[in-house]
Amino acid sequence: MKGVTMEALNGEPRDGEFQTDESRAVLEAVAFAGDALAPFFLQDPLTGDAEASFGAIAALDPAAAAAEWPFVAEDEARADLGLMVAGLADGREADGLVWEYRRLFVGPAPKPAPPWGSVYTDRECVVFGASTLELRRWMREHGVKRLGGEGEPEDHIGLMLALMAHLARNQPADLDEYLQKHLLTWSSHFLDQLAEAARQPFYEGLARLAKATLEGIQNVRGLEVSYPRFYR
């Protein structure tokens, strides 16, 4: 993925009518990133369905994996992946990892970095806020169905990463609008808060890698994003 040329990245067709091999590789890299990152935000390390994803990270050589991770400078990816591997060194059943996931994303105590976009962009800091409804309307207008997570607001970061992957593979003409209007508007702000709040290296590394990846996608796609006011 790191071998994709800047000409392909900057010259990607936006209407989905024609794609070169290199431009298809860019879309596949976006899809890979979304698929790789989403499960860790959505799944409890012990009781969720992401066993294969956690196992793959635990078995990684961070240096080798960083050389292949798309959209992120190799030294930064190596550091972030190294944190994630270190966080899994004692196995997923270690109390620290499981309880950190629940502290960060589940509760019942107040969450230090809630994973829903409207918590940051809505004046009342609520879930199912205006930005959630705007995303829901956008999905309906573009014929996009939920990708699981029933009961979760659509602007959960894990669901939105999974949707990014889906669009890159199946509706590439809609990808940039989705990133500009819905995901990139709040993702860096949230991921900074998550990295600061994390008490376990796996989730610090995850936050840093996700932020660098999304910002890298923004840069190579040449996307201009209007950032909202953040209330948290």
Protein backbone atom coordinates (compact mmCIF):
# COMPACT_ATOMS: atom_id res chain seq x y z
CA MET A 1 0.00 0.00 0.00
CA LYS A 2 2.90 2.36 0.70
CA GLY A 3 4.01 1.96 -2.91
CA VAL A 4 0.97 3.75 -4.34
CA THR A 5 2.13 6.85 -6.19
CA MET A 6 1.11 10.39 -5.28
CA GLU A 7 -0.15 10.80 -8.84
CA ALA A 8 -2.66 8.03 -8.23
CA LEU A 9 -3.67 9.43 -4.87
CA ASN A 10 -4.22 12.94 -6.10
CA GLY A 11 -5.68 11.99 -9.45
CA GLU A 12 -8.28 9.49 -8.24
CA PRO A 13 -11.48 9.50 -10.31
CA ARG A 14 -14.39 10.80 -8.21
CA ASP A 15 -17.33 9.63 -10.30
CA GLY A 16 -16.65 5.90 -10.08
CA GLU A 17 -16.75 5.53 -13.90
CA PHE A 18 -13.08 4.72 -14.38
CA GLN A 19 -10.34 3.66 -12.03
CA THR A 20 -6.74 2.75 -12.69
CA ASP A 21 -5.10 -0.15 -10.90
CA GLU A 22 -3.40 2.35 -8.62
CA SER A 23 -6.58 4.24 -7.80
CA ARG A 24 -8.27 0.95 -6.97
CA ALA A 25 -5.35 0.21 -4.66
CA VAL A 26 -5.99 3.49 -2.85
CA LEU A 27 -9.63 2.59 -2.29
CA GLU A 28 -8.63 -0.86 -1.09
CA ALA A 29 -6.19 0.74 1.36
CA VAL A 30 -9.00 2.92 2.73
CA ALA A 31 -11.20 -0.17 3.05
CA PHE A 32 -8.42 -2.13 4.75
CA ALA A 33 -7.87 0.64 7.29
CA GLY A 34 -11.54 0.90 8.15
CA ASP A 35 -11.98 -2.86 8.45
CA ALA A 36 -8.83 -3.25 10.53
CA LEU A 37 -9.60 -0.50 13.04
CA ALA A 38 -13.38 -0.72 13.47
CA PRO A 39 -13.60 -3.95 15.53
CA PHE A 40 -11.46 -2.59 18.36
CA PHE A 41 -13.90 0.25 18.98
CA LEU A 42 -16.96 -1.98 18.70
CA GLN A 43 -15.99 -5.20 20.45
CA ASP A 44 -15.22 -6.08 24.05
CA PRO A 45 -11.80 -7.81 24.06
CA LEU A 46 -13.16 -10.75 26.03
CA THR A 47 -16.81 -11.21 25.11
CA GLY A 48 -17.04 -9.61 21.66
CA ASP A 49 -16.66 -11.12 18.18
CA ALA A 50 -13.27 -9.62 17.34
CA GLU A 51 -11.10 -12.54 18.50
CA ALA A 52 -9.33 -12.80 15.15
CA SER A 53 -8.59 -9.06 15.09
CA PHE A 54 -7.14 -9.00 18.60
CA GLY A 55 -5.16 -12.17 17.88
CA ALA A 56 -3.70 -10.65 14.71
CA ILE A 57 -2.46 -7.59 16.60
CA ALA A 58 -0.99 -9.71 19.40
CA ALA A 59 1.03 -11.68 16.82
CA LEU A 60 2.32 -8.63 14.93
CA ASP A 61 5.90 -7.59 14.45
CA PRO A 62 5.31 -3.80 14.74
CA ALA A 63 8.25 -2.91 12.51
CA ALA A 64 7.17 -5.23 9.70
CA ALA A 65 3.51 -4.24 9.99
CA ALA A 66 4.35 -0.52 10.01
CA ALA A 67 6.06 -0.86 6.65
CA GLU A 68 2.73 -1.98 5.16
CA TRP A 69 0.28 0.19 7.09
CA PRO A 70 -1.28 2.70 4.68
CA PHE A 71 -1.43 6.48 4.95
CA VAL A 72 0.83 6.77 8.04
CA ALA A 73 4.56 7.49 8.23
CA GLU A 74 6.41 4.27 9.01
CA ASP A 75 8.02 5.45 12.24
CA GLU A 76 4.68 6.70 13.57
CA ALA A 77 2.87 3.51 12.62
CA ARG A 78 5.62 1.45 14.26
CA ALA A 79 5.25 3.36 17.54
CA ASP A 80 1.45 3.13 17.53
CA LEU A 81 1.36 -0.56 16.63
CA GLY A 82 4.03 -1.18 19.25
CA LEU A 83 1.74 0.29 21.91
CA MET A 84 -1.11 -1.93 20.76
CA VAL A 85 1.05 -5.07 20.82
CA ALA A 86 2.39 -4.15 24.26
CA GLY A 87 -1.16 -3.71 25.52
CA LEU A 88 -1.97 -7.25 24.46
CA ALA A 89 1.19 -8.81 25.87
CA ASP A 90 -0.65 -10.32 28.85
CA GLY A 91 -3.52 -11.65 26.74
CA ARG A 92 -7.05 -10.37 26.20
CA GLU A 93 -8.25 -11.92 29.45
CA ALA A 94 -6.12 -9.59 31.53
CA ASP A 95 -8.43 -7.49 33.69
CA GLY A 96 -6.71 -4.26 32.69
CA LEU A 97 -7.57 -4.53 28.99
CA VAL A 98 -11.16 -5.66 29.47
CA TRP A 99 -11.99 -3.08 32.11
CA GLU A 100 -10.30 -0.33 30.14
CA TYR A 101 -12.53 -1.07 27.14
CA ARG A 102 -15.59 -0.93 29.38
CA ARG A 103 -14.41 2.22 31.14
CA LEU A 104 -13.77 4.01 27.85
CA PHE A 105 -16.71 2.85 25.75
CA VAL A 106 -19.38 1.16 27.86
CA GLY A 107 -19.77 2.60 31.36
CA PRO A 108 -21.86 2.75 33.53
CA ALA A 109 -19.55 5.43 34.91
CA PRO A 110 -19.24 8.61 32.81
CA LYS A 111 -17.02 7.85 29.82
CA PRO A 112 -13.87 9.98 29.48
CA ALA A 113 -14.02 9.88 25.66
CA PRO A 114 -17.48 8.85 24.41
CA PRO A 115 -17.32 7.22 20.95
CA TRP A 116 -20.27 9.13 19.37
CA GLY A 117 -19.83 12.20 17.24
CA SER A 118 -22.83 14.17 18.45
CA VAL A 119 -21.50 14.15 22.03
CA TYR A 120 -18.82 16.57 20.82
CA THR A 121 -20.75 18.60 18.26
CA ASP A 122 -24.16 18.99 19.92
CA ARG A 123 -24.56 21.92 22.32
CA GLU A 124 -26.17 19.58 24.86
CA CYS A 125 -23.45 16.91 24.40
CA VAL A 126 -26.04 14.19 23.82
CA VAL A 127 -26.15 10.97 21.81
CA PHE A 128 -28.58 10.89 18.88
CA GLY A 129 -27.99 14.62 18.42
CA ALA A 130 -28.37 16.69 15.27
CA SER A 131 -25.22 15.37 13.61
CA THR A 132 -26.41 11.79 14.17
CA LEU A 133 -29.69 12.58 12.46
CA GLU A 134 -27.85 14.28 9.59
CA LEU A 135 -25.73 11.16 9.09
CA ARG A 136 -28.83 8.96 9.22
CA ARG A 137 -30.49 11.13 6.57
CA TRP A 138 -27.35 11.04 4.39
CA MET A 139 -27.23 7.25 4.61
CA ARG A 140 -30.88 6.99 3.63
CA GLU A 141 -30.45 9.35 0.67
CA HIS A 142 -27.42 7.39 -0.57
CA GLY A 143 -28.98 3.97 -0.11
CA VAL A 144 -26.60 2.95 2.68
CA LYS A 145 -27.85 0.49 5.27
CA ARG A 146 -26.57 0.05 8.80
CA LEU A 147 -23.62 -2.32 9.11
CA GLY A 148 -24.64 -3.79 12.47
CA GLY A 149 -24.53 -2.20 15.89
CA GLU A 150 -28.30 -2.14 16.26
CA GLY A 151 -29.24 0.23 19.05
CA GLU A 152 -26.00 2.20 18.70
CA PRO A 153 -26.19 5.70 17.21
CA GLU A 154 -24.96 5.68 13.63
CA ASP A 155 -22.14 8.08 14.53
CA HIS A 156 -20.32 5.58 16.75
CA ILE A 157 -16.67 5.75 15.65
CA GLY A 158 -16.49 1.99 15.08
CA LEU A 159 -19.60 1.96 12.89
CA MET A 160 -18.32 4.95 10.96
CA LEU A 161 -14.96 3.29 10.27
CA ALA A 162 -16.79 0.19 9.06
CA LEU A 163 -18.96 2.39 6.83
CA MET A 164 -15.85 4.06 5.41
CA ALA A 165 -14.58 0.62 4.38
CA HIS A 166 -17.96 -0.30 2.87
CA LEU A 167 -18.13 2.88 0.80
CA ALA A 168 -14.55 2.52 -0.45
CA ARG A 169 -15.37 -0.95 -1.77
CA ASN A 170 -18.96 -0.55 -2.89
CA GLN A 171 -19.84 3.14 -3.36
CA PRO A 172 -16.56 4.97 -3.97
CA ALA A 173 -18.31 7.95 -5.55
CA ASP A 174 -19.85 8.70 -2.12
CA LEU A 175 -16.69 8.22 -0.06
CA ASP A 176 -15.29 11.75 -0.10
CA GLU A 177 -18.59 13.41 0.78
CA TYR A 178 -19.01 11.01 3.70
CA LEU A 179 -15.52 11.74 4.98
CA GLN A 180 -15.83 15.50 4.56
CA LYS A 181 -19.28 15.95 6.05
CA HIS A 182 -19.53 13.23 8.66
CA LEU A 183 -16.41 11.36 9.79
CA LEU A 184 -13.46 13.74 9.52
CA THR A 185 -15.41 16.60 11.09
CA TRP A 186 -14.95 15.15 14.58
CA SER A 187 -12.67 12.10 14.45
CA SER A 188 -9.36 13.84 15.25
CA HIS A 189 -10.91 15.73 18.16
CA PHE A 190 -12.32 12.53 19.64
CA LEU A 191 -9.18 10.47 19.04
CA ASP A 192 -7.01 13.09 20.75
CA GLN A 193 -9.27 12.85 23.80
CA LEU A 194 -9.18 9.07 23.69
CA ALA A 195 -5.37 8.94 23.51
CA GLU A 196 -5.14 11.27 26.50
CA ALA A 197 -7.77 9.37 28.51
CA ALA A 198 -6.42 5.87 27.85
CA ARG A 199 -4.74 4.14 30.78
CA GLN A 200 -3.81 1.05 28.82
CA PRO A 201 -1.27 1.14 25.96
CA PHE A 202 -3.46 -0.81 23.54
CA TYR A 203 -6.13 1.89 23.46
CA GLU A 204 -3.62 4.74 23.40
CA GLY A 205 -1.96 3.15 20.38
CA LEU A 206 -5.32 2.50 18.75
CA ALA A 207 -6.36 6.13 19.14
CA ARG A 208 -3.07 7.45 17.76
CA LEU A 209 -3.03 5.03 14.82
CA ALA A 210 -6.65 5.72 13.91
CA LYS A 211 -6.09 9.49 14.01
CA ALA A 212 -2.95 9.32 11.88
CA THR A 213 -4.65 7.01 9.40
CA LEU A 214 -7.73 9.19 8.96
CA GLU A 215 -5.66 12.35 8.65
CA GLY A 216 -3.48 10.56 6.11
CA ILE A 217 -6.56 9.61 4.09
CA GLN A 218 -7.73 13.22 4.26
CA ASN A 219 -4.39 14.43 2.96
CA VAL A 220 -4.03 12.02 0.08
CA ARG A 221 -7.65 12.49 -0.99
CA GLY A 222 -7.15 16.26 -0.88
CA LEU A 223 -10.22 16.82 1.28
CA GLU A 224 -11.12 20.17 2.80
CA VAL A 225 -13.15 19.79 5.96
CA SER A 226 -15.21 22.43 7.77
CA TYR A 227 -14.85 21.67 11.46
CA PRO A 228 -17.77 22.36 13.78
CA ARG A 229 -17.63 23.96 17.19
CA PHE A 230 -16.85 21.35 19.82
CA TYR A 231 -18.77 21.47 23.09
CA ARG A 232 -16.68 18.82 24.81
